[in-house]
């Protein structure tokens, strides 16, 4: 089980990541002009949304349907994927958030993650 504190530590550990309020959730984005969210955390910390490609989403939902599912809205059609934090382990979460971060971060930052 991933706690809110663990989630924040992981999400804010990505290069240039920052946290901002986003409706009833906390959003994590890359700190650049017009930066994009790469994930959000539910207010009760029970789940998060990672912004992936539809192909990545389909792979995860097929592989681990008890952990991942497509959001039932237009964002889900674009790849927004909900993650059950009670069922997800830390290594899996880090891997999925890294995919999401790469989509939000400018290519010039990608090398910082690969380090």
PDB file of N, CA and C in Angstrom:
ATOM      1  N   UNK A   1       0.840  -1.191   0.000  1.00  0.00           N
ATOM      2  CA  UNK A   1       0.000   0.000   0.000  1.00  0.00           C
ATOM      3  C   UNK A   1       0.879   1.246   0.000  1.00  0.00           C
ATOM      4  N   UNK A   2       0.538   2.176  -0.839  1.00  0.00           N
ATOM      5  CA  UNK A   2       1.263   3.441  -0.949  1.00  0.00           C
ATOM      6  C   UNK A   2       0.497   4.502  -0.156  1.00  0.00           C
ATOM      7  N   UNK A   3       1.171   5.156   0.774  1.00  0.00           N
ATOM      8  CA  UNK A   3       0.547   6.235   1.541  1.00  0.00           C
ATOM      9  C   UNK A   3       0.676   7.552   0.780  1.00  0.00           C
ATOM     10  N   UNK A   4      -0.054   8.569   1.245  1.00  0.00           N
ATOM     11  CA  UNK A   4       0.039   9.892   0.619  1.00  0.00           C
ATOM     12  C   UNK A   4       1.468  10.419   0.695  1.00  0.00           C
ATOM     13  N   UNK A   5       2.122  10.240   1.835  1.00  0.00           N
ATOM     14  CA  UNK A   5       3.500  10.722   1.988  1.00  0.00           C
ATOM     15  C   UNK A   5       4.448   9.997   1.036  1.00  0.00           C
ATOM     16  N   UNK A   6       4.287   8.686   0.902  1.00  0.00           N
ATOM     17  CA  UNK A   6       5.127   7.928  -0.029  1.00  0.00           C
ATOM     18  C   UNK A   6       4.879   8.376  -1.466  1.00  0.00           C
ATOM     19  N   UNK A   7       3.598   8.561  -1.806  1.00  0.00           N
ATOM     20  CA  UNK A   7       3.261   8.997  -3.158  1.00  0.00           C
ATOM     21  C   UNK A   7       3.923  10.333  -3.462  1.00  0.00           C
ATOM     22  N   UNK A   8       3.783  11.282  -2.550  1.00  0.00           N
ATOM     23  CA  UNK A   8       4.379  12.607  -2.769  1.00  0.00           C
ATOM     24  C   UNK A   8       5.898  12.516  -2.920  1.00  0.00           C
ATOM     25  N   UNK A   9       6.527  11.700  -2.107  1.00  0.00           N
ATOM     26  CA  UNK A   9       7.983  11.548  -2.197  1.00  0.00           C
ATOM     27  C   UNK A   9       8.386  11.010  -3.576  1.00  0.00           C
ATOM     28  N   UNK A  10       7.639  10.035  -4.066  1.00  0.00           N
ATOM     29  CA  UNK A  10       7.938   9.465  -5.391  1.00  0.00           C
ATOM     30  C   UNK A  10       7.689  10.503  -6.483  1.00  0.00           C
ATOM     31  N   UNK A  11       6.499  11.104  -6.491  1.00  0.00           N
ATOM     32  CA  UNK A  11       6.135  12.047  -7.559  1.00  0.00           C
ATOM     33  C   UNK A  11       7.048  13.268  -7.568  1.00  0.00           C
ATOM     34  N   UNK A  12       7.368  13.781  -6.390  1.00  0.00           N
ATOM     35  CA  UNK A  12       8.225  14.974  -6.325  1.00  0.00           C
ATOM     36  C   UNK A  12       9.699  14.637  -6.526  1.00  0.00           C
ATOM     37  N   UNK A  13      10.016  13.350  -6.601  1.00  0.00           N
ATOM     38  CA  UNK A  13      11.386  12.923  -6.864  1.00  0.00           C
ATOM     39  C   UNK A  13      11.767  12.993  -8.336  1.00  0.00           C
ATOM     40  N   UNK A  14      10.790  13.213  -9.206  1.00  0.00           N
ATOM     41  CA  UNK A  14      11.098  13.350 -10.627  1.00  0.00           C
ATOM     42  C   UNK A  14      11.655  14.747 -10.890  1.00  0.00           C
ATOM     43  N   UNK A  15      12.589  14.876 -11.827  1.00  0.00           N
ATOM     44  CA  UNK A  15      13.192  16.181 -12.100  1.00  0.00           C
ATOM     45  C   UNK A  15      12.145  17.250 -12.416  1.00  0.00           C
ATOM     46  N   UNK A  16      12.303  18.394 -11.780  1.00  0.00           N
ATOM     47  CA  UNK A  16      11.471  19.582 -12.033  1.00  0.00           C
ATOM     48  C   UNK A  16      10.002  19.374 -11.675  1.00  0.00           C
ATOM     49  N   UNK A  17       9.705  18.402 -10.813  1.00  0.00           N
ATOM     50  CA  UNK A  17       8.311  18.148 -10.423  1.00  0.00           C
ATOM     51  C   UNK A  17       7.897  19.094  -9.310  1.00  0.00           C
ATOM     52  N   UNK A  18       6.646  19.511  -9.369  1.00  0.00           N
ATOM     53  CA  UNK A  18       6.068  20.309  -8.293  1.00  0.00           C
ATOM     54  C   UNK A  18       4.620  19.917  -8.097  1.00  0.00           C
ATOM     55  N   UNK A  19       4.085  20.261  -6.926  1.00  0.00           N
ATOM     56  CA  UNK A  19       2.708  19.919  -6.571  1.00  0.00           C
ATOM     57  C   UNK A  19       1.847  21.169  -6.569  1.00  0.00           C
ATOM     58  N   UNK A  20       0.657  21.059  -7.124  1.00  0.00           N
ATOM     59  CA  UNK A  20      -0.321  22.156  -7.153  1.00  0.00           C
ATOM     60  C   UNK A  20      -1.704  21.574  -6.869  1.00  0.00           C
ATOM     61  N   UNK A  21      -2.597  22.360  -6.250  1.00  0.00           N
ATOM     62  CA  UNK A  21      -3.972  21.877  -6.089  1.00  0.00           C
ATOM     63  C   UNK A  21      -4.660  21.772  -7.453  1.00  0.00           C
ATOM     64  N   UNK A  22      -5.537  20.788  -7.576  1.00  0.00           N
ATOM     65  CA  UNK A  22      -6.273  20.582  -8.829  1.00  0.00           C
ATOM     66  C   UNK A  22      -7.649  20.032  -8.461  1.00  0.00           C
ATOM     67  N   UNK A  23      -8.623  20.927  -8.331  1.00  0.00           N
ATOM     68  CA  UNK A  23      -9.966  20.570  -7.880  1.00  0.00           C
ATOM     69  C   UNK A  23      -9.853  19.865  -6.531  1.00  0.00           C
ATOM     70  N   UNK A  24     -10.359  18.636  -6.407  1.00  0.00           N
ATOM     71  CA  UNK A  24     -10.306  17.906  -5.138  1.00  0.00           C
ATOM     72  C   UNK A  24      -9.086  16.982  -5.062  1.00  0.00           C
ATOM     73  N   UNK A  25      -8.121  17.205  -5.907  1.00  0.00           N
ATOM     74  CA  UNK A  25      -6.930  16.358  -5.977  1.00  0.00           C
ATOM     75  C   UNK A  25      -5.673  17.217  -5.892  1.00  0.00           C
ATOM     76  N   UNK A  26      -4.556  16.574  -5.663  1.00  0.00           N
ATOM     77  CA  UNK A  26      -3.252  17.227  -5.764  1.00  0.00           C
ATOM     78  C   UNK A  26      -2.677  16.838  -7.119  1.00  0.00           C
ATOM     79  N   UNK A  27      -2.214  17.822  -7.868  1.00  0.00           N
ATOM     80  CA  UNK A  27      -1.635  17.558  -9.188  1.00  0.00           C
ATOM     81  C   UNK A  27      -0.123  17.688  -9.108  1.00  0.00           C
ATOM     82  N   UNK A  28       0.551  16.840  -9.847  1.00  0.00           N
ATOM     83  CA  UNK A  28       2.012  16.865  -9.927  1.00  0.00           C
ATOM     84  C   UNK A  28       2.359  17.127 -11.382  1.00  0.00           C
ATOM     85  N   UNK A  29       3.178  18.153 -11.589  1.00  0.00           N
ATOM     86  CA  UNK A  29       3.481  18.594 -12.947  1.00  0.00           C
ATOM     87  C   UNK A  29       4.957  18.911 -13.067  1.00  0.00           C
ATOM     88  N   UNK A  30       5.376  19.091 -14.296  1.00  0.00           N
ATOM     89  CA  UNK A  30       6.747  19.501 -14.582  1.00  0.00           C
ATOM     90  C   UNK A  30       6.764  21.024 -14.560  1.00  0.00           C
ATOM     91  N   UNK A  31       7.708  21.589 -13.820  1.00  0.00           N
ATOM     92  CA  UNK A  31       7.801  23.036 -13.623  1.00  0.00           C
ATOM     93  C   UNK A  31       8.458  23.712 -14.826  1.00  0.00           C
ATOM     94  N   UNK A  32       7.655  23.911 -15.849  1.00  0.00           N
ATOM     95  CA  UNK A  32       8.058  24.648 -17.045  1.00  0.00           C
ATOM     96  C   UNK A  32       6.870  25.522 -17.437  1.00  0.00           C
ATOM     97  N   UNK A  33       7.092  26.573 -18.224  1.00  0.00           N
ATOM     98  CA  UNK A  33       5.940  27.355 -18.682  1.00  0.00           C
ATOM     99  C   UNK A  33       4.917  26.438 -19.365  1.00  0.00           C
ATOM    100  N   UNK A  34       3.675  26.629 -19.018  1.00  0.00           N
ATOM    101  CA  UNK A  34       2.584  25.797 -19.543  1.00  0.00           C
ATOM    102  C   UNK A  34       2.834  24.319 -19.267  1.00  0.00           C
ATOM    103  N   UNK A  35       3.406  24.033 -18.091  1.00  0.00           N
ATOM    104  CA  UNK A  35       3.707  22.652 -17.722  1.00  0.00           C
ATOM    105  C   UNK A  35       2.465  21.792 -17.657  1.00  0.00           C
ATOM    106  N   UNK A  36       2.653  20.524 -17.923  1.00  0.00           N
ATOM    107  CA  UNK A  36       1.548  19.567 -17.941  1.00  0.00           C
ATOM    108  C   UNK A  36       1.593  18.701 -16.689  1.00  0.00           C
ATOM    109  N   UNK A  37       0.404  18.339 -16.209  1.00  0.00           N
ATOM    110  CA  UNK A  37       0.325  17.366 -15.124  1.00  0.00           C
ATOM    111  C   UNK A  37       0.781  16.009 -15.647  1.00  0.00           C
ATOM    112  N   UNK A  38       1.508  15.274 -14.802  1.00  0.00           N
ATOM    113  CA  UNK A  38       1.810  13.895 -15.170  1.00  0.00           C
ATOM    114  C   UNK A  38       1.050  12.913 -14.292  1.00  0.00           C
ATOM    115  N   UNK A  39       0.542  13.398 -13.147  1.00  0.00           N
ATOM    116  CA  UNK A  39      -0.301  12.554 -12.311  1.00  0.00           C
ATOM    117  C   UNK A  39      -1.061  13.424 -11.322  1.00  0.00           C
ATOM    118  N   UNK A  40      -2.107  12.844 -10.732  1.00  0.00           N
ATOM    119  CA  UNK A  40      -2.851  13.499  -9.663  1.00  0.00           C
ATOM    120  C   UNK A  40      -3.081  12.482  -8.557  1.00  0.00           C
ATOM    121  N   UNK A  41      -3.268  12.988  -7.335  1.00  0.00           N
ATOM    122  CA  UNK A  41      -3.517  12.149  -6.165  1.00  0.00           C
ATOM    123  C   UNK A  41      -4.870  12.516  -5.588  1.00  0.00           C
ATOM    124  N   UNK A  42      -5.716  11.518  -5.331  1.00  0.00           N
ATOM    125  CA  UNK A  42      -7.029  11.753  -4.736  1.00  0.00           C
ATOM    126  C   UNK A  42      -6.872  12.350  -3.343  1.00  0.00           C
ATOM    127  N   UNK A  43      -7.849  13.146  -2.936  1.00  0.00           N
ATOM    128  CA  UNK A  43      -7.814  13.773  -1.620  1.00  0.00           C
ATOM    129  C   UNK A  43      -7.696  12.778  -0.483  1.00  0.00           C
ATOM    130  N   UNK A  44      -8.301  11.601  -0.632  1.00  0.00           N
ATOM    131  CA  UNK A  44      -8.211  10.577   0.413  1.00  0.00           C
ATOM    132  C   UNK A  44      -7.021   9.639   0.201  1.00  0.00           C
ATOM    133  N   UNK A  45      -6.211   9.898  -0.804  1.00  0.00           N
ATOM    134  CA  UNK A  45      -5.002   9.129  -1.138  1.00  0.00           C
ATOM    135  C   UNK A  45      -5.285   7.657  -1.439  1.00  0.00           C
ATOM    136  N   UNK A  46      -6.507   7.340  -1.834  1.00  0.00           N
ATOM    137  CA  UNK A  46      -6.824   5.947  -2.164  1.00  0.00           C
ATOM    138  C   UNK A  46      -6.388   5.576  -3.577  1.00  0.00           C
ATOM    139  N   UNK A  47      -6.275   6.578  -4.433  1.00  0.00           N
ATOM    140  CA  UNK A  47      -5.905   6.313  -5.822  1.00  0.00           C
ATOM    141  C   UNK A  47      -5.208   7.523  -6.418  1.00  0.00           C
ATOM    142  N   UNK A  48      -4.607   7.286  -7.561  1.00  0.00           N
ATOM    143  CA  UNK A  48      -4.009   8.379  -8.323  1.00  0.00           C
ATOM    144  C   UNK A  48      -4.349   8.159  -9.784  1.00  0.00           C
ATOM    145  N   UNK A  49      -4.204   9.206 -10.554  1.00  0.00           N
ATOM    146  CA  UNK A  49      -4.356   9.128 -12.002  1.00  0.00           C
ATOM    147  C   UNK A  49      -3.005   9.432 -12.626  1.00  0.00           C
ATOM    148  N   UNK A  50      -2.588   8.597 -13.557  1.00  0.00           N
ATOM    149  CA  UNK A  50      -1.358   8.828 -14.313  1.00  0.00           C
ATOM    150  C   UNK A  50      -1.750   9.097 -15.759  1.00  0.00           C
ATOM    151  N   UNK A  51      -1.113  10.080 -16.367  1.00  0.00           N
ATOM    152  CA  UNK A  51      -1.449  10.480 -17.728  1.00  0.00           C
ATOM    153  C   UNK A  51      -0.495   9.799 -18.706  1.00  0.00           C
ATOM    154  N   UNK A  52      -0.993   8.717 -19.286  1.00  0.00           N
ATOM    155  CA  UNK A  52      -0.225   7.844 -20.168  1.00  0.00           C
ATOM    156  C   UNK A  52      -0.770   7.917 -21.584  1.00  0.00           C
ATOM    157  N   UNK A  53      -0.201   7.138 -22.479  1.00  0.00           N
ATOM    158  CA  UNK A  53      -0.792   6.989 -23.810  1.00  0.00           C
ATOM    159  C   UNK A  53      -1.884   5.920 -23.724  1.00  0.00           C
ATOM    160  N   UNK A  54      -2.824   5.927 -24.647  1.00  0.00           N
ATOM    161  CA  UNK A  54      -3.827   4.856 -24.649  1.00  0.00           C
ATOM    162  C   UNK A  54      -3.199   3.460 -24.771  1.00  0.00           C
ATOM    163  N   UNK A  55      -2.095   3.352 -25.486  1.00  0.00           N
ATOM    164  CA  UNK A  55      -1.421   2.062 -25.643  1.00  0.00           C
ATOM    165  C   UNK A  55      -0.805   1.599 -24.320  1.00  0.00           C
ATOM    166  N   UNK A  56      -0.151   2.507 -23.607  1.00  0.00           N
ATOM    167  CA  UNK A  56       0.413   2.157 -22.299  1.00  0.00           C
ATOM    168  C   UNK A  56      -0.702   1.762 -21.333  1.00  0.00           C
ATOM    169  N   UNK A  57      -1.777   2.544 -21.363  1.00  0.00           N
ATOM    170  CA  UNK A  57      -2.926   2.255 -20.511  1.00  0.00           C
ATOM    171  C   UNK A  57      -3.469   0.851 -20.781  1.00  0.00           C
ATOM    172  N   UNK A  58      -3.683   0.527 -22.045  1.00  0.00           N
ATOM    173  CA  UNK A  58      -4.230  -0.785 -22.411  1.00  0.00           C
ATOM    174  C   UNK A  58      -3.330  -1.914 -21.918  1.00  0.00           C
ATOM    175  N   UNK A  59      -2.020  -1.745 -22.045  1.00  0.00           N
ATOM    176  CA  UNK A  59      -1.070  -2.752 -21.591  1.00  0.00           C
ATOM    177  C   UNK A  59      -1.197  -2.972 -20.081  1.00  0.00           C
ATOM    178  N   UNK A  60      -1.259  -1.876 -19.317  1.00  0.00           N
ATOM    179  CA  UNK A  60      -1.327  -1.988 -17.862  1.00  0.00           C
ATOM    180  C   UNK A  60      -2.647  -2.583 -17.392  1.00  0.00           C
ATOM    181  N   UNK A  61      -3.744  -2.138 -17.978  1.00  0.00           N
ATOM    182  CA  UNK A  61      -5.064  -2.653 -17.590  1.00  0.00           C
ATOM    183  C   UNK A  61      -5.159  -4.147 -17.891  1.00  0.00           C
ATOM    184  N   UNK A  62      -4.610  -4.565 -19.002  1.00  0.00           N
ATOM    185  CA  UNK A  62      -4.623  -5.981 -19.366  1.00  0.00           C
ATOM    186  C   UNK A  62      -3.730  -6.797 -18.426  1.00  0.00           C
ATOM    187  N   UNK A  63      -2.556  -6.270 -18.096  1.00  0.00           N
ATOM    188  CA  UNK A  63      -1.601  -6.998 -17.261  1.00  0.00           C
ATOM    189  C   UNK A  63      -2.021  -7.061 -15.795  1.00  0.00           C
ATOM    190  N   UNK A  64      -2.584  -5.977 -15.274  1.00  0.00           N
ATOM    191  CA  UNK A  64      -2.915  -5.884 -13.846  1.00  0.00           C
ATOM    192  C   UNK A  64      -4.270  -5.207 -13.649  1.00  0.00           C
ATOM    193  N   UNK A  65      -5.369  -5.876 -14.010  1.00  0.00           N
ATOM    194  CA  UNK A  65      -6.682  -5.228 -13.915  1.00  0.00           C
ATOM    195  C   UNK A  65      -7.124  -4.915 -12.488  1.00  0.00           C
ATOM    196  N   UNK A  66      -6.502  -5.499 -11.490  1.00  0.00           N
ATOM    197  CA  UNK A  66      -6.830  -5.187 -10.101  1.00  0.00           C
ATOM    198  C   UNK A  66      -6.144  -3.939  -9.588  1.00  0.00           C
ATOM    199  N   UNK A  67      -5.206  -3.416 -10.359  1.00  0.00           N
ATOM    200  CA  UNK A  67      -4.454  -2.221  -9.958  1.00  0.00           C
ATOM    201  C   UNK A  67      -4.797  -1.033 -10.845  1.00  0.00           C
ATOM    202  N   UNK A  68      -4.904  -1.268 -12.146  1.00  0.00           N
ATOM    203  CA  UNK A  68      -5.075  -0.190 -13.124  1.00  0.00           C
ATOM    204  C   UNK A  68      -6.429  -0.271 -13.805  1.00  0.00           C
ATOM    205  N   UNK A  69      -7.018   0.882 -14.076  1.00  0.00           N
ATOM    206  CA  UNK A  69      -8.195   0.920 -14.928  1.00  0.00           C
ATOM    207  C   UNK A  69      -8.311   2.260 -15.626  1.00  0.00           C
ATOM    208  N   UNK A  70      -8.976   2.212 -16.756  1.00  0.00           N
ATOM    209  CA  UNK A  70      -9.192   3.403 -17.584  1.00  0.00           C
ATOM    210  C   UNK A  70     -10.232   4.294 -16.918  1.00  0.00           C
ATOM    211  N   UNK A  71      -9.951   5.587 -16.850  1.00  0.00           N
ATOM    212  CA  UNK A  71     -10.963   6.514 -16.345  1.00  0.00           C
ATOM    213  C   UNK A  71     -12.171   6.477 -17.278  1.00  0.00           C
ATOM    214  N   UNK A  72     -13.382   6.476 -16.719  1.00  0.00           N
ATOM    215  CA  UNK A  72     -14.577   6.357 -17.556  1.00  0.00           C
ATOM    216  C   UNK A  72     -15.057   7.699 -18.107  1.00  0.00           C
ATOM    217  N   UNK A  73     -14.159   8.405 -18.772  1.00  0.00           N
ATOM    218  CA  UNK A  73     -14.514   9.710 -19.345  1.00  0.00           C
ATOM    219  C   UNK A  73     -13.579  10.009 -20.518  1.00  0.00           C
ATOM    220  N   UNK A  74     -13.656  11.238 -21.037  1.00  0.00           N
ATOM    221  CA  UNK A  74     -12.822  11.591 -22.196  1.00  0.00           C
ATOM    222  C   UNK A  74     -11.336  11.535 -21.861  1.00  0.00           C
ATOM    223  N   UNK A  75     -10.964  11.810 -20.608  1.00  0.00           N
ATOM    224  CA  UNK A  75      -9.550  11.731 -20.225  1.00  0.00           C
ATOM    225  C   UNK A  75      -9.068  10.288 -20.278  1.00  0.00           C
ATOM    226  N   UNK A  76      -9.936   9.364 -19.887  1.00  0.00           N
ATOM    227  CA  UNK A  76      -9.589   7.947 -19.992  1.00  0.00           C
ATOM    228  C   UNK A  76      -9.356   7.528 -21.435  1.00  0.00           C
ATOM    229  N   UNK A  77     -10.146   8.088 -22.346  1.00  0.00           N
ATOM    230  CA  UNK A  77      -9.955   7.789 -23.772  1.00  0.00           C
ATOM    231  C   UNK A  77      -8.594   8.274 -24.270  1.00  0.00           C
ATOM    232  N   UNK A  78      -8.046   9.291 -23.606  1.00  0.00           N
ATOM    233  CA  UNK A  78      -6.744   9.848 -23.994  1.00  0.00           C
ATOM    234  C   UNK A  78      -5.583   9.183 -23.259  1.00  0.00           C
ATOM    235  N   UNK A  79      -5.879   8.236 -22.354  1.00  0.00           N
ATOM    236  CA  UNK A  79      -4.817   7.517 -21.651  1.00  0.00           C
ATOM    237  C   UNK A  79      -4.778   7.725 -20.151  1.00  0.00           C
ATOM    238  N   UNK A  80      -5.638   8.580 -19.599  1.00  0.00           N
ATOM    239  CA  UNK A  80      -5.646   8.781 -18.144  1.00  0.00           C
ATOM    240  C   UNK A  80      -6.019   7.467 -17.470  1.00  0.00           C
ATOM    241  N   UNK A  81      -5.149   7.026 -16.580  1.00  0.00           N
ATOM    242  CA  UNK A  81      -5.257   5.708 -15.975  1.00  0.00           C
ATOM    243  C   UNK A  81      -5.290   5.830 -14.465  1.00  0.00           C
ATOM    244  N   UNK A  82      -6.311   5.242 -13.838  1.00  0.00           N
ATOM    245  CA  UNK A  82      -6.416   5.267 -12.389  1.00  0.00           C
ATOM    246  C   UNK A  82      -5.629   4.098 -11.811  1.00  0.00           C
ATOM    247  N   UNK A  83      -4.970   4.363 -10.687  1.00  0.00           N
ATOM    248  CA  UNK A  83      -4.160   3.351 -10.010  1.00  0.00           C
ATOM    249  C   UNK A  83      -4.668   3.218  -8.581  1.00  0.00           C
ATOM    250  N   UNK A  84      -4.992   1.993  -8.170  1.00  0.00           N
ATOM    251  CA  UNK A  84      -5.412   1.709  -6.800  1.00  0.00           C
ATOM    252  C   UNK A  84      -4.156   1.637  -5.937  1.00  0.00           C
ATOM    253  N   UNK A  85      -3.962   2.621  -5.078  1.00  0.00           N
ATOM    254  CA  UNK A  85      -2.728   2.693  -4.295  1.00  0.00           C
ATOM    255  C   UNK A  85      -2.667   1.648  -3.187  1.00  0.00           C
ATOM    256  N   UNK A  86      -3.793   1.064  -2.816  1.00  0.00           N
ATOM    257  CA  UNK A  86      -3.782  -0.024  -1.831  1.00  0.00           C
ATOM    258  C   UNK A  86      -3.250  -1.313  -2.455  1.00  0.00           C
ATOM    259  N   UNK A  87      -3.371  -1.445  -3.765  1.00  0.00           N
ATOM    260  CA  UNK A  87      -2.965  -2.669  -4.462  1.00  0.00           C
ATOM    261  C   UNK A  87      -1.616  -2.542  -5.167  1.00  0.00           C
ATOM    262  N   UNK A  88      -1.099  -1.341  -5.281  1.00  0.00           N
ATOM    263  CA  UNK A  88       0.112  -1.091  -6.071  1.00  0.00           C
ATOM    264  C   UNK A  88       1.351  -1.073  -5.182  1.00  0.00           C
ATOM    265  N   UNK A  89       2.439  -1.660  -5.669  1.00  0.00           N
ATOM    266  CA  UNK A  89       3.698  -1.589  -4.927  1.00  0.00           C
ATOM    267  C   UNK A  89       4.522  -0.395  -5.415  1.00  0.00           C
ATOM    268  N   UNK A  90       5.529  -0.048  -4.636  1.00  0.00           N
ATOM    269  CA  UNK A  90       6.321   1.153  -4.914  1.00  0.00           C
ATOM    270  C   UNK A  90       7.067   1.079  -6.245  1.00  0.00           C
ATOM    271  N   UNK A  91       7.653  -0.054  -6.558  1.00  0.00           N
ATOM    272  CA  UNK A  91       8.417  -0.180  -7.807  1.00  0.00           C
ATOM    273  C   UNK A  91       7.512  -0.005  -9.025  1.00  0.00           C
ATOM    274  N   UNK A  92       6.322  -0.590  -8.970  1.00  0.00           N
ATOM    275  CA  UNK A  92       5.377  -0.452 -10.080  1.00  0.00           C
ATOM    276  C   UNK A  92       4.942   0.993 -10.227  1.00  0.00           C
ATOM    277  N   UNK A  93       4.619   1.641  -9.105  1.00  0.00           N
ATOM    278  CA  UNK A  93       4.198   3.039  -9.162  1.00  0.00           C
ATOM    279  C   UNK A  93       5.297   3.915  -9.756  1.00  0.00           C
ATOM    280  N   UNK A  94       6.529   3.727  -9.314  1.00  0.00           N
ATOM    281  CA  UNK A  94       7.640   4.524  -9.854  1.00  0.00           C
ATOM    282  C   UNK A  94       7.759   4.347 -11.366  1.00  0.00           C
ATOM    283  N   UNK A  95       7.632   3.130 -11.826  1.00  0.00           N
ATOM    284  CA  UNK A  95       7.753   2.847 -13.254  1.00  0.00           C
ATOM    285  C   UNK A  95       6.647   3.525 -14.056  1.00  0.00           C
ATOM    286  N   UNK A  96       5.416   3.437 -13.568  1.00  0.00           N
ATOM    287  CA  UNK A  96       4.289   4.038 -14.282  1.00  0.00           C
ATOM    288  C   UNK A  96       4.388   5.560 -14.254  1.00  0.00           C
ATOM    289  N   UNK A  97       4.739   6.130 -13.102  1.00  0.00           N
ATOM    290  CA  UNK A  97       4.867   7.588 -13.035  1.00  0.00           C
ATOM    291  C   UNK A  97       6.023   8.079 -13.899  1.00  0.00           C
ATOM    292  N   UNK A  98       7.060   7.272 -14.066  1.00  0.00           N
ATOM    293  CA  UNK A  98       8.155   7.658 -14.964  1.00  0.00           C
ATOM    294  C   UNK A  98       7.655   7.752 -16.407  1.00  0.00           C
ATOM    295  N   UNK A  99       6.799   6.814 -16.807  1.00  0.00           N
ATOM    296  CA  UNK A  99       6.215   6.897 -18.156  1.00  0.00           C
ATOM    297  C   UNK A  99       5.412   8.183 -18.296  1.00  0.00           C
ATOM    298  N   UNK A 100       4.586   8.470 -17.289  1.00  0.00           N
ATOM    299  CA  UNK A 100       3.747   9.673 -17.337  1.00  0.00           C
ATOM    300  C   UNK A 100       4.604  10.937 -17.338  1.00  0.00           C
ATOM    301  N   UNK A 101       5.648  10.955 -16.516  1.00  0.00           N
ATOM    302  CA  UNK A 101       6.527  12.124 -16.439  1.00  0.00           C
ATOM    303  C   UNK A 101       7.162  12.403 -17.806  1.00  0.00           C
ATOM    304  N   UNK A 102       7.599  11.359 -18.498  1.00  0.00           N
ATOM    305  CA  UNK A 102       8.231  11.537 -19.819  1.00  0.00           C
ATOM    306  C   UNK A 102       7.292  12.213 -20.819  1.00  0.00           C
ATOM    307  N   UNK A 103       5.997  11.943 -20.711  1.00  0.00           N
ATOM    308  CA  UNK A 103       5.042  12.579 -21.630  1.00  0.00           C
ATOM    309  C   UNK A 103       4.854  14.057 -21.300  1.00  0.00           C
ATOM    310  N   UNK A 104       5.018  14.416 -20.037  1.00  0.00           N
ATOM    311  CA  UNK A 104       4.798  15.804 -19.618  1.00  0.00           C
ATOM    312  C   UNK A 104       6.059  16.656 -19.709  1.00  0.00           C
ATOM    313  N   UNK A 105       7.213  16.040 -19.572  1.00  0.00           N
ATOM    314  CA  UNK A 105       8.477  16.780 -19.525  1.00  0.00           C
ATOM    315  C   UNK A 105       9.010  17.062 -20.924  1.00  0.00           C
ATOM    316  N   UNK A 106       9.623  18.229 -21.107  1.00  0.00           N
ATOM    317  CA  UNK A 106      10.287  18.493 -22.386  1.00  0.00           C
ATOM    318  C   UNK A 106      11.415  17.475 -22.612  1.00  0.00           C
ATOM    319  N   UNK A 107      11.666  17.097 -23.846  1.00  0.00           N
ATOM    320  CA  UNK A 107      12.716  16.116 -24.127  1.00  0.00           C
ATOM    321  C   UNK A 107      14.075  16.477 -23.519  1.00  0.00           C
ATOM    322  N   UNK A 108      14.373  17.767 -23.399  1.00  0.00           N
ATOM    323  CA  UNK A 108      15.681  18.154 -22.842  1.00  0.00           C
ATOM    324  C   UNK A 108      15.846  17.704 -21.394  1.00  0.00           C
ATOM    325  N   UNK A 109      14.759  17.392 -20.705  1.00  0.00           N
ATOM    326  CA  UNK A 109      14.833  16.926 -19.315  1.00  0.00           C
ATOM    327  C   UNK A 109      14.934  15.413 -19.200  1.00  0.00           C
ATOM    328  N   UNK A 110      14.657  14.684 -20.255  1.00  0.00           N
ATOM    329  CA  UNK A 110      14.610  13.227 -20.174  1.00  0.00           C
ATOM    330  C   UNK A 110      15.920  12.625 -19.690  1.00  0.00           C
ATOM    331  N   UNK A 111      17.035  13.196 -20.077  1.00  0.00           N
ATOM    332  CA  UNK A 111      18.334  12.693 -19.643  1.00  0.00           C
ATOM    333  C   UNK A 111      18.526  12.772 -18.140  1.00  0.00           C
ATOM    334  N   UNK A 112      17.859  13.721 -17.488  1.00  0.00           N
ATOM    335  CA  UNK A 112      17.963  13.836 -16.033  1.00  0.00           C
ATOM    336  C   UNK A 112      17.320  12.644 -15.341  1.00  0.00           C
ATOM    337  N   UNK A 113      16.319  12.071 -15.945  1.00  0.00           N
ATOM    338  CA  UNK A 113      15.674  10.894 -15.371  1.00  0.00           C
ATOM    339  C   UNK A 113      16.525   9.659 -15.623  1.00  0.00           C
ATOM    340  N   UNK A 114      17.127   9.604 -16.786  1.00  0.00           N
ATOM    341  CA  UNK A 114      17.954   8.454 -17.144  1.00  0.00           C
ATOM    342  C   UNK A 114      19.274   8.459 -16.389  1.00  0.00           C
ATOM    343  N   UNK A 115      19.688   9.661 -15.975  1.00  0.00           N
ATOM    344  CA  UNK A 115      20.845   9.948 -15.195  1.00  0.00           C
ATOM    345  C   UNK A 115      22.038   9.174 -15.337  1.00  0.00           C
TER     346      UNK A 115
END
